[in-house]
PDB file of N, CA and C in Angstrom:
ATOM      1  N   UNK A   1     105.664 119.177 122.137  1.00  0.00           N
ATOM      2  CA  UNK A   1     106.575 119.325 121.023  1.00  0.00           C
ATOM      3  C   UNK A   1     107.315 118.012 120.813  1.00  0.00           C
ATOM      4  N   UNK A   2     107.513 117.599 119.559  1.00  0.00           N
ATOM      5  CA  UNK A   2     108.226 116.366 119.254  1.00  0.00           C
ATOM      6  C   UNK A   2     109.663 116.440 119.738  1.00  0.00           C
ATOM      7  N   UNK A   3     110.196 115.267 120.014  1.00  0.00           N
ATOM      8  CA  UNK A   3     111.584 115.154 120.452  1.00  0.00           C
ATOM      9  C   UNK A   3     112.523 115.795 119.430  1.00  0.00           C
ATOM     10  N   UNK A   4     112.231 115.615 118.141  1.00  0.00           N
ATOM     11  CA  UNK A   4     113.131 116.114 117.105  1.00  0.00           C
ATOM     12  C   UNK A   4     113.156 117.638 117.058  1.00  0.00           C
ATOM     13  N   UNK A   5     112.112 118.261 117.463  1.00  0.00           N
ATOM     14  CA  UNK A   5     112.011 119.713 117.336  1.00  0.00           C
ATOM     15  C   UNK A   5     112.712 120.470 118.455  1.00  0.00           C
ATOM     16  N   UNK A   6     112.991 119.822 119.565  1.00  0.00           N
ATOM     17  CA  UNK A   6     113.660 120.511 120.658  1.00  0.00           C
ATOM     18  C   UNK A   6     115.005 119.864 120.968  1.00  0.00           C
ATOM     19  N   UNK A   7     115.529 119.134 120.012  1.00  0.00           N
ATOM     20  CA  UNK A   7     116.769 118.398 120.209  1.00  0.00           C
ATOM     21  C   UNK A   7     117.954 119.218 119.731  1.00  0.00           C
ATOM     22  N   UNK A   8     119.111 118.888 120.285  1.00  0.00           N
ATOM     23  CA  UNK A   8     120.354 119.501 119.830  1.00  0.00           C
ATOM     24  C   UNK A   8     120.964 118.701 118.684  1.00  0.00           C
ATOM     25  N   UNK A   9     120.322 117.632 118.283  1.00  0.00           N
ATOM     26  CA  UNK A   9     120.836 116.803 117.193  1.00  0.00           C
ATOM     27  C   UNK A   9     120.662 117.515 115.864  1.00  0.00           C
ATOM     28  N   UNK A  10     121.554 117.214 114.937  1.00  0.00           N
ATOM     29  CA  UNK A  10     121.486 117.794 113.600  1.00  0.00           C
ATOM     30  C   UNK A  10     121.764 116.714 112.566  1.00  0.00           C
ATOM     31  N   UNK A  11     121.140 116.858 111.408  1.00  0.00           N
ATOM     32  CA  UNK A  11     121.382 115.921 110.314  1.00  0.00           C
ATOM     33  C   UNK A  11     122.783 116.135 109.769  1.00  0.00           C
ATOM     34  N   UNK A  12     123.326 115.074 109.210  1.00  0.00           N
ATOM     35  CA  UNK A  12     124.672 115.135 108.644  1.00  0.00           C
ATOM     36  C   UNK A  12     124.605 114.697 107.186  1.00  0.00           C
ATOM     37  N   UNK A  13     123.953 115.502 106.350  1.00  0.00           N
ATOM     38  CA  UNK A  13     123.806 115.171 104.940  1.00  0.00           C
ATOM     39  C   UNK A  13     124.909 115.833 104.130  1.00  0.00           C
ATOM     40  N   UNK A  14     125.299 115.160 103.072  1.00  0.00           N
ATOM     41  CA  UNK A  14     126.284 115.748 102.171  1.00  0.00           C
ATOM     42  C   UNK A  14     125.666 116.990 101.514  1.00  0.00           C
ATOM     43  N   UNK A  15     126.523 117.863 101.081  1.00  0.00           N
ATOM     44  CA  UNK A  15     126.030 119.071 100.400  1.00  0.00           C
ATOM     45  C   UNK A  15     125.282 118.699  99.125  1.00  0.00           C
ATOM     46  N   UNK A  16     125.729 117.639  98.455  1.00  0.00           N
ATOM     47  CA  UNK A  16     125.067 117.191  97.227  1.00  0.00           C
ATOM     48  C   UNK A  16     123.645 116.714  97.519  1.00  0.00           C
ATOM     49  N   UNK A  17     123.490 115.883  98.559  1.00  0.00           N
ATOM     50  CA  UNK A  17     122.157 115.397  98.915  1.00  0.00           C
ATOM     51  C   UNK A  17     121.264 116.541  99.359  1.00  0.00           C
ATOM     52  N   UNK A  18     121.823 117.438 100.168  1.00  0.00           N
ATOM     53  CA  UNK A  18     121.031 118.571 100.638  1.00  0.00           C
ATOM     54  C   UNK A  18     120.552 119.417  99.449  1.00  0.00           C
ATOM     55  N   UNK A  19     121.434 119.649  98.490  1.00  0.00           N
ATOM     56  CA  UNK A  19     121.059 120.433  97.309  1.00  0.00           C
ATOM     57  C   UNK A  19     119.960 119.732  96.512  1.00  0.00           C
ATOM     58  N   UNK A  20     120.059 118.404  96.370  1.00  0.00           N
ATOM     59  CA  UNK A  20     119.029 117.656  95.644  1.00  0.00           C
ATOM     60  C   UNK A  20     117.684 117.742  96.355  1.00  0.00           C
ATOM     61  N   UNK A  21     117.711 117.624  97.690  1.00  0.00           N
ATOM     62  CA  UNK A  21     116.451 117.706  98.438  1.00  0.00           C
ATOM     63  C   UNK A  21     115.860 119.112  98.365  1.00  0.00           C
ATOM     64  N   UNK A  22     116.693 120.130  98.424  1.00  0.00           N
ATOM     65  CA  UNK A  22     116.199 121.507  98.319  1.00  0.00           C
ATOM     66  C   UNK A  22     115.617 121.746  96.928  1.00  0.00           C
ATOM     67  N   UNK A  23     116.257 121.222  95.885  1.00  0.00           N
ATOM     68  CA  UNK A  23     115.698 121.352  94.528  1.00  0.00           C
ATOM     69  C   UNK A  23     114.330 120.684  94.440  1.00  0.00           C
ATOM     70  N   UNK A  24     114.213 119.509  95.052  1.00  0.00           N
ATOM     71  CA  UNK A  24     112.922 118.817  95.047  1.00  0.00           C
ATOM     72  C   UNK A  24     111.854 119.643  95.761  1.00  0.00           C
ATOM     73  N   UNK A  25     112.183 120.182  96.914  1.00  0.00           N
ATOM     74  CA  UNK A  25     111.182 120.944  97.671  1.00  0.00           C
ATOM     75  C   UNK A  25     110.814 122.229  96.932  1.00  0.00           C
ATOM     76  N   UNK A  26     111.754 122.810  96.222  1.00  0.00           N
ATOM     77  CA  UNK A  26     111.438 123.991  95.412  1.00  0.00           C
ATOM     78  C   UNK A  26     110.434 123.644  94.321  1.00  0.00           C
ATOM     79  N   UNK A  27     110.604 122.473  93.689  1.00  0.00           N
ATOM     80  CA  UNK A  27     109.637 122.051  92.665  1.00  0.00           C
ATOM     81  C   UNK A  27     108.271 121.791  93.294  1.00  0.00           C
ATOM     82  N   UNK A  28     108.265 121.197  94.486  1.00  0.00           N
ATOM     83  CA  UNK A  28     107.002 120.927  95.178  1.00  0.00           C
ATOM     84  C   UNK A  28     106.302 122.242  95.520  1.00  0.00           C
ATOM     85  N   UNK A  29     107.062 123.220  95.987  1.00  0.00           N
ATOM     86  CA  UNK A  29     106.467 124.537  96.265  1.00  0.00           C
ATOM     87  C   UNK A  29     105.819 125.107  95.011  1.00  0.00           C
ATOM     88  N   UNK A  30     106.492 124.942  93.876  1.00  0.00           N
ATOM     89  CA  UNK A  30     105.926 125.413  92.611  1.00  0.00           C
ATOM     90  C   UNK A  30     104.636 124.687  92.268  1.00  0.00           C
ATOM     91  N   UNK A  31     104.612 123.380  92.528  1.00  0.00           N
ATOM     92  CA  UNK A  31     103.391 122.611  92.264  1.00  0.00           C
ATOM     93  C   UNK A  31     102.241 123.101  93.140  1.00  0.00           C
ATOM     94  N   UNK A  32     102.516 123.352  94.402  1.00  0.00           N
ATOM     95  CA  UNK A  32     101.466 123.804  95.323  1.00  0.00           C
ATOM     96  C   UNK A  32     100.977 125.201  94.917  1.00  0.00           C
ATOM     97  N   UNK A  33     101.895 126.072  94.548  1.00  0.00           N
ATOM     98  CA  UNK A  33     101.476 127.390  94.053  1.00  0.00           C
ATOM     99  C   UNK A  33     100.624 127.252  92.795  1.00  0.00           C
ATOM    100  N   UNK A  34     100.977 126.269  91.952  1.00  0.00           N
ATOM    101  CA  UNK A  34     100.191 126.003  90.744  1.00  0.00           C
ATOM    102  C   UNK A  34      98.780 125.564  91.086  1.00  0.00           C
ATOM    103  N   UNK A  35      98.630 124.741  92.112  1.00  0.00           N
ATOM    104  CA  UNK A  35      97.298 124.306  92.553  1.00  0.00           C
ATOM    105  C   UNK A  35      96.489 125.511  93.012  1.00  0.00           C
ATOM    106  N   UNK A  36      97.117 126.400  93.782  1.00  0.00           N
ATOM    107  CA  UNK A  36      96.416 127.602  94.246  1.00  0.00           C
ATOM    108  C   UNK A  36      95.947 128.441  93.060  1.00  0.00           C
ATOM    109  N   UNK A  37      96.816 128.609  92.092  1.00  0.00           N
ATOM    110  CA  UNK A  37      96.463 129.400  90.905  1.00  0.00           C
ATOM    111  C   UNK A  37      95.313 128.739  90.143  1.00  0.00           C
ATOM    112  N   UNK A  38      95.362 127.424  90.042  1.00  0.00           N
ATOM    113  CA  UNK A  38      94.284 126.708  89.360  1.00  0.00           C
ATOM    114  C   UNK A  38      92.951 126.927  90.076  1.00  0.00           C
ATOM    115  N   UNK A  39      92.976 126.882  91.418  1.00  0.00           N
ATOM    116  CA  UNK A  39      91.754 127.136  92.184  1.00  0.00           C
ATOM    117  C   UNK A  39      91.240 128.549  91.937  1.00  0.00           C
ATOM    118  N   UNK A  40      92.160 129.508  91.949  1.00  0.00           N
ATOM    119  CA  UNK A  40      91.769 130.906  91.722  1.00  0.00           C
ATOM    120  C   UNK A  40      91.172 131.104  90.331  1.00  0.00           C
ATOM    121  N   UNK A  41      91.634 130.312  89.374  1.00  0.00           N
ATOM    122  CA  UNK A  41      91.174 130.453  87.992  1.00  0.00           C
ATOM    123  C   UNK A  41      90.015 129.509  87.652  1.00  0.00           C
ATOM    124  N   UNK A  42      89.474 128.847  88.678  1.00  0.00           N
ATOM    125  CA  UNK A  42      88.336 127.933  88.492  1.00  0.00           C
ATOM    126  C   UNK A  42      88.613 126.848  87.451  1.00  0.00           C
ATOM    127  N   UNK A  43      89.823 126.311  87.475  1.00  0.00           N
ATOM    128  CA  UNK A  43      90.185 125.208  86.582  1.00  0.00           C
ATOM    129  C   UNK A  43      89.344 123.993  86.951  1.00  0.00           C
ATOM    130  N   UNK A  44      89.092 123.147  85.989  1.00  0.00           N
ATOM    131  CA  UNK A  44      88.285 121.947  86.164  1.00  0.00           C
ATOM    132  C   UNK A  44      88.836 121.108  87.321  1.00  0.00           C
ATOM    133  N   UNK A  45      87.940 120.652  88.184  1.00  0.00           N
ATOM    134  CA  UNK A  45      88.311 119.956  89.426  1.00  0.00           C
ATOM    135  C   UNK A  45      89.250 118.777  89.192  1.00  0.00           C
ATOM    136  N   UNK A  46      88.969 117.960  88.185  1.00  0.00           N
ATOM    137  CA  UNK A  46      89.790 116.787  87.927  1.00  0.00           C
ATOM    138  C   UNK A  46      91.235 117.179  87.624  1.00  0.00           C
ATOM    139  N   UNK A  47      91.434 118.277  86.934  1.00  0.00           N
ATOM    140  CA  UNK A  47      92.786 118.745  86.633  1.00  0.00           C
ATOM    141  C   UNK A  47      93.510 119.185  87.910  1.00  0.00           C
ATOM    142  N   UNK A  48      92.775 119.809  88.814  1.00  0.00           N
ATOM    143  CA  UNK A  48      93.365 120.226  90.091  1.00  0.00           C
ATOM    144  C   UNK A  48      93.725 119.004  90.926  1.00  0.00           C
ATOM    145  N   UNK A  49      92.840 118.020  90.952  1.00  0.00           N
ATOM    146  CA  UNK A  49      93.109 116.791  91.707  1.00  0.00           C
ATOM    147  C   UNK A  49      94.354 116.099  91.160  1.00  0.00           C
ATOM    148  N   UNK A  50      94.532 116.118  89.852  1.00  0.00           N
ATOM    149  CA  UNK A  50      95.738 115.538  89.244  1.00  0.00           C
ATOM    150  C   UNK A  50      96.984 116.251  89.746  1.00  0.00           C
ATOM    151  N   UNK A  51      96.942 117.569  89.827  1.00  0.00           N
ATOM    152  CA  UNK A  51      98.097 118.336  90.314  1.00  0.00           C
ATOM    153  C   UNK A  51      98.351 118.082  91.796  1.00  0.00           C
ATOM    154  N   UNK A  52      97.284 117.971  92.575  1.00  0.00           N
ATOM    155  CA  UNK A  52      97.438 117.661  94.005  1.00  0.00           C
ATOM    156  C   UNK A  52      98.084 116.285  94.159  1.00  0.00           C
ATOM    157  N   UNK A  53      97.646 115.319  93.374  1.00  0.00           N
ATOM    158  CA  UNK A  53      98.231 113.976  93.432  1.00  0.00           C
ATOM    159  C   UNK A  53      99.710 114.002  93.077  1.00  0.00           C
ATOM    160  N   UNK A  54     100.072 114.811  92.091  1.00  0.00           N
ATOM    161  CA  UNK A  54     101.479 114.932  91.695  1.00  0.00           C
ATOM    162  C   UNK A  54     102.308 115.534  92.828  1.00  0.00           C
ATOM    163  N   UNK A  55     101.772 116.543  93.500  1.00  0.00           N
ATOM    164  CA  UNK A  55     102.484 117.170  94.622  1.00  0.00           C
ATOM    165  C   UNK A  55     102.638 116.188  95.778  1.00  0.00           C
ATOM    166  N   UNK A  56     101.591 115.423  96.068  1.00  0.00           N
ATOM    167  CA  UNK A  56     101.669 114.423  97.134  1.00  0.00           C
ATOM    168  C   UNK A  56     102.709 113.363  96.798  1.00  0.00           C
ATOM    169  N   UNK A  57     102.739 112.941  95.562  1.00  0.00           N
ATOM    170  CA  UNK A  57     103.709 111.945  95.127  1.00  0.00           C
ATOM    171  C   UNK A  57     105.137 112.486  95.265  1.00  0.00           C
ATOM    172  N   UNK A  58     105.323 113.739  94.902  1.00  0.00           N
ATOM    173  CA  UNK A  58     106.644 114.363  95.019  1.00  0.00           C
ATOM    174  C   UNK A  58     107.070 114.464  96.482  1.00  0.00           C
ATOM    175  N   UNK A  59     106.146 114.798  97.372  1.00  0.00           N
ATOM    176  CA  UNK A  59     106.458 114.844  98.802  1.00  0.00           C
ATOM    177  C   UNK A  59     106.806 113.456  99.336  1.00  0.00           C
ATOM    178  N   UNK A  60     106.058 112.444  98.904  1.00  0.00           N
ATOM    179  CA  UNK A  60     106.358 111.078  99.330  1.00  0.00           C
ATOM    180  C   UNK A  60     107.741 110.651  98.856  1.00  0.00           C
ATOM    181  N   UNK A  61     108.090 111.026  97.634  1.00  0.00           N
ATOM    182  CA  UNK A  61     109.400 110.697  97.100  1.00  0.00           C
ATOM    183  C   UNK A  61     110.508 111.371  97.908  1.00  0.00           C
ATOM    184  N   UNK A  62     110.310 112.635  98.239  1.00  0.00           N
ATOM    185  CA  UNK A  62     111.280 113.355  99.068  1.00  0.00           C
ATOM    186  C   UNK A  62     111.399 112.695 100.438  1.00  0.00           C
ATOM    187  N   UNK A  63     110.283 112.303 100.999  1.00  0.00           N
ATOM    188  CA  UNK A  63     110.279 111.639 102.299  1.00  0.00           C
ATOM    189  C   UNK A  63     111.086 110.344 102.243  1.00  0.00           C
ATOM    190  N   UNK A  64     110.947 109.586 101.175  1.00  0.00           N
ATOM    191  CA  UNK A  64     111.697 108.343 101.026  1.00  0.00           C
ATOM    192  C   UNK A  64     113.198 108.604 100.935  1.00  0.00           C
ATOM    193  N   UNK A  65     113.586 109.599 100.161  1.00  0.00           N
ATOM    194  CA  UNK A  65     115.006 109.947 100.033  1.00  0.00           C
ATOM    195  C   UNK A  65     115.566 110.357 101.386  1.00  0.00           C
ATOM    196  N   UNK A  66     114.835 111.187 102.108  1.00  0.00           N
ATOM    197  CA  UNK A  66     115.290 111.649 103.415  1.00  0.00           C
ATOM    198  C   UNK A  66     115.354 110.493 104.418  1.00  0.00           C
ATOM    199  N   UNK A  67     114.362 109.607 104.375  1.00  0.00           N
ATOM    200  CA  UNK A  67     114.354 108.467 105.289  1.00  0.00           C
ATOM    201  C   UNK A  67     115.549 107.545 105.031  1.00  0.00           C
ATOM    202  N   UNK A  68     115.836 107.281 103.764  1.00  0.00           N
ATOM    203  CA  UNK A  68     116.995 106.451 103.428  1.00  0.00           C
ATOM    204  C   UNK A  68     118.287 107.094 103.928  1.00  0.00           C
ATOM    205  N   UNK A  69     118.404 108.395 103.751  1.00  0.00           N
ATOM    206  CA  UNK A  69     119.592 109.105 104.245  1.00  0.00           C
ATOM    207  C   UNK A  69     119.651 109.017 105.770  1.00  0.00           C
ATOM    208  N   UNK A  70     118.499 109.139 106.417  1.00  0.00           N
ATOM    209  CA  UNK A  70     118.425 109.050 107.870  1.00  0.00           C
ATOM    210  C   UNK A  70     118.890 107.672 108.349  1.00  0.00           C
ATOM    211  N   UNK A  71     118.413 106.627 107.675  1.00  0.00           N
ATOM    212  CA  UNK A  71     118.821 105.271 108.043  1.00  0.00           C
ATOM    213  C   UNK A  71     120.330 105.087 107.888  1.00  0.00           C
ATOM    214  N   UNK A  72     120.867 105.588 106.793  1.00  0.00           N
ATOM    215  CA  UNK A  72     122.277 105.380 106.474  1.00  0.00           C
ATOM    216  C   UNK A  72     123.231 106.267 107.257  1.00  0.00           C
ATOM    217  N   UNK A  73     122.710 107.272 107.918  1.00  0.00           N
ATOM    218  CA  UNK A  73     123.608 108.149 108.679  1.00  0.00           C
ATOM    219  C   UNK A  73     123.203 108.184 110.153  1.00  0.00           C
ATOM    220  N   UNK A  74     122.162 108.878 110.459  1.00  0.00           N
ATOM    221  CA  UNK A  74     121.755 109.089 111.857  1.00  0.00           C
ATOM    222  C   UNK A  74     121.489 107.779 112.598  1.00  0.00           C
ATOM    223  N   UNK A  75     120.714 106.902 111.987  1.00  0.00           N
ATOM    224  CA  UNK A  75     120.346 105.655 112.668  1.00  0.00           C
ATOM    225  C   UNK A  75     121.575 104.766 112.858  1.00  0.00           C
ATOM    226  N   UNK A  76     122.375 104.614 111.819  1.00  0.00           N
ATOM    227  CA  UNK A  76     123.589 103.790 111.930  1.00  0.00           C
ATOM    228  C   UNK A  76     124.498 104.340 113.028  1.00  0.00           C
ATOM    229  N   UNK A  77     124.661 105.652 113.043  1.00  0.00           N
ATOM    230  CA  UNK A  77     125.516 106.281 114.063  1.00  0.00           C
ATOM    231  C   UNK A  77     124.997 106.005 115.476  1.00  0.00           C
ATOM    232  N   UNK A  78     123.682 106.103 115.657  1.00  0.00           N
ATOM    233  CA  UNK A  78     123.115 105.878 116.987  1.00  0.00           C
ATOM    234  C   UNK A  78     123.160 104.407 117.396  1.00  0.00           C
ATOM    235  N   UNK A  79     123.028 103.513 116.432  1.00  0.00           N
ATOM    236  CA  UNK A  79     123.166 102.086 116.747  1.00  0.00           C
ATOM    237  C   UNK A  79     124.597 101.803 117.198  1.00  0.00           C
ATOM    238  N   UNK A  80     125.554 102.367 116.479  1.00  0.00           N
ATOM    239  CA  UNK A  80     126.962 102.161 116.840  1.00  0.00           C
ATOM    240  C   UNK A  80     127.286 102.721 118.225  1.00  0.00           C
ATOM    241  N   UNK A  81     126.621 103.812 118.587  1.00  0.00           N
ATOM    242  CA  UNK A  81     126.872 104.400 119.906  1.00  0.00           C
ATOM    243  C   UNK A  81     125.996 103.761 120.988  1.00  0.00           C
ATOM    244  N   UNK A  82     125.251 102.740 120.569  1.00  0.00           N
ATOM    245  CA  UNK A  82     124.380 101.989 121.480  1.00  0.00           C
ATOM    246  C   UNK A  82     123.347 102.875 122.174  1.00  0.00           C
ATOM    247  N   UNK A  83     122.775 103.778 121.424  1.00  0.00           N
ATOM    248  CA  UNK A  83     121.712 104.632 121.938  1.00  0.00           C
ATOM    249  C   UNK A  83     120.510 103.766 122.322  1.00  0.00           C
ATOM    250  N   UNK A  84     120.058 103.855 123.561  1.00  0.00           N
ATOM    251  CA  UNK A  84     118.976 102.975 124.012  1.00  0.00           C
ATOM    252  C   UNK A  84     117.613 103.288 123.395  1.00  0.00           C
ATOM    253  N   UNK A  85     117.416 104.498 122.916  1.00  0.00           N
ATOM    254  CA  UNK A  85     116.103 104.905 122.418  1.00  0.00           C
ATOM    255  C   UNK A  85     115.970 104.818 120.903  1.00  0.00           C
ATOM    256  N   UNK A  86     116.997 104.345 120.223  1.00  0.00           N
ATOM    257  CA  UNK A  86     116.993 104.426 118.763  1.00  0.00           C
ATOM    258  C   UNK A  86     115.896 103.579 118.118  1.00  0.00           C
ATOM    259  N   UNK A  87     115.637 102.398 118.633  1.00  0.00           N
ATOM    260  CA  UNK A  87     114.603 101.565 118.015  1.00  0.00           C
ATOM    261  C   UNK A  87     113.218 102.178 118.194  1.00  0.00           C
ATOM    262  N   UNK A  88     112.959 102.750 119.347  1.00  0.00           N
ATOM    263  CA  UNK A  88     111.674 103.419 119.569  1.00  0.00           C
ATOM    264  C   UNK A  88     111.520 104.607 118.608  1.00  0.00           C
ATOM    265  N   UNK A  89     112.585 105.379 118.470  1.00  0.00           N
ATOM    266  CA  UNK A  89     112.548 106.524 117.549  1.00  0.00           C
ATOM    267  C   UNK A  89     112.306 106.061 116.116  1.00  0.00           C
ATOM    268  N   UNK A  90     112.999 105.020 115.702  1.00  0.00           N
ATOM    269  CA  UNK A  90     112.842 104.499 114.347  1.00  0.00           C
ATOM    270  C   UNK A  90     111.414 104.008 114.118  1.00  0.00           C
ATOM    271  N   UNK A  91     110.852 103.311 115.094  1.00  0.00           N
ATOM    272  CA  UNK A  91     109.477 102.831 114.974  1.00  0.00           C
ATOM    273  C   UNK A  91     108.496 104.003 114.870  1.00  0.00           C
ATOM    274  N   UNK A  92     108.714 105.049 115.643  1.00  0.00           N
ATOM    275  CA  UNK A  92     107.844 106.231 115.571  1.00  0.00           C
ATOM    276  C   UNK A  92     107.946 106.892 114.195  1.00  0.00           C
ATOM    277  N   UNK A  93     109.155 106.964 113.679  1.00  0.00           N
ATOM    278  CA  UNK A  93     109.352 107.560 112.358  1.00  0.00           C
ATOM    279  C   UNK A  93     108.615 106.760 111.289  1.00  0.00           C
ATOM    280  N   UNK A  94     108.718 105.452 111.351  1.00  0.00           N
ATOM    281  CA  UNK A  94     108.035 104.600 110.370  1.00  0.00           C
ATOM    282  C   UNK A  94     106.522 104.756 110.499  1.00  0.00           C
ATOM    283  N   UNK A  95     106.010 104.815 111.725  1.00  0.00           N
ATOM    284  CA  UNK A  95     104.560 105.027 111.917  1.00  0.00           C
ATOM    285  C   UNK A  95     104.114 106.352 111.288  1.00  0.00           C
ATOM    286  N   UNK A  96     104.909 107.401 111.480  1.00  0.00           N
ATOM    287  CA  UNK A  96     104.570 108.704 110.891  1.00  0.00           C
ATOM    288  C   UNK A  96     104.513 108.605 109.372  1.00  0.00           C
ATOM    289  N   UNK A  97     105.476 107.911 108.781  1.00  0.00           N
ATOM    290  CA  UNK A  97     105.519 107.788 107.329  1.00  0.00           C
ATOM    291  C   UNK A  97     104.354 106.966 106.811  1.00  0.00           C
ATOM    292  N   UNK A  98     103.931 105.974 107.554  1.00  0.00           N
ATOM    293  CA  UNK A  98     102.853 105.106 107.098  1.00  0.00           C
ATOM    294  C   UNK A  98     101.470 105.753 107.220  1.00  0.00           C
ATOM    295  N   UNK A  99     101.367 106.834 107.979  1.00  0.00           N
ATOM    296  CA  UNK A  99     100.077 107.537 108.119  1.00  0.00           C
ATOM    297  C   UNK A  99      99.635 108.139 106.793  1.00  0.00           C
ATOM    298  N   UNK A 100     100.570 108.419 105.930  1.00  0.00           N
ATOM    299  CA  UNK A 100     100.235 109.018 104.627  1.00  0.00           C
ATOM    300  C   UNK A 100      99.455 108.016 103.846  1.00  0.00           C
TER     301      UNK A 100
END
């Protein structure tokens, strides 16, 4: 299990940012449901691929927003507290993002 999944740490996002990210993920869920419906209705493949690309782009955009928030809050806080593992964690996070 990843370190983040069994940690007692929690994000410290503003309610406004959290609401914006939740709105984005709700739209992404709608896009994915739309892709499923298109598959069920035998929509032309190219049209489905376009929708999949749009959903992937929306997820990447959400990831960027979350990463920027992470840098500006969690990472800054851990650097200030001189956390010894913060650079390794940051490098792992960047590697995960670049796999896309």
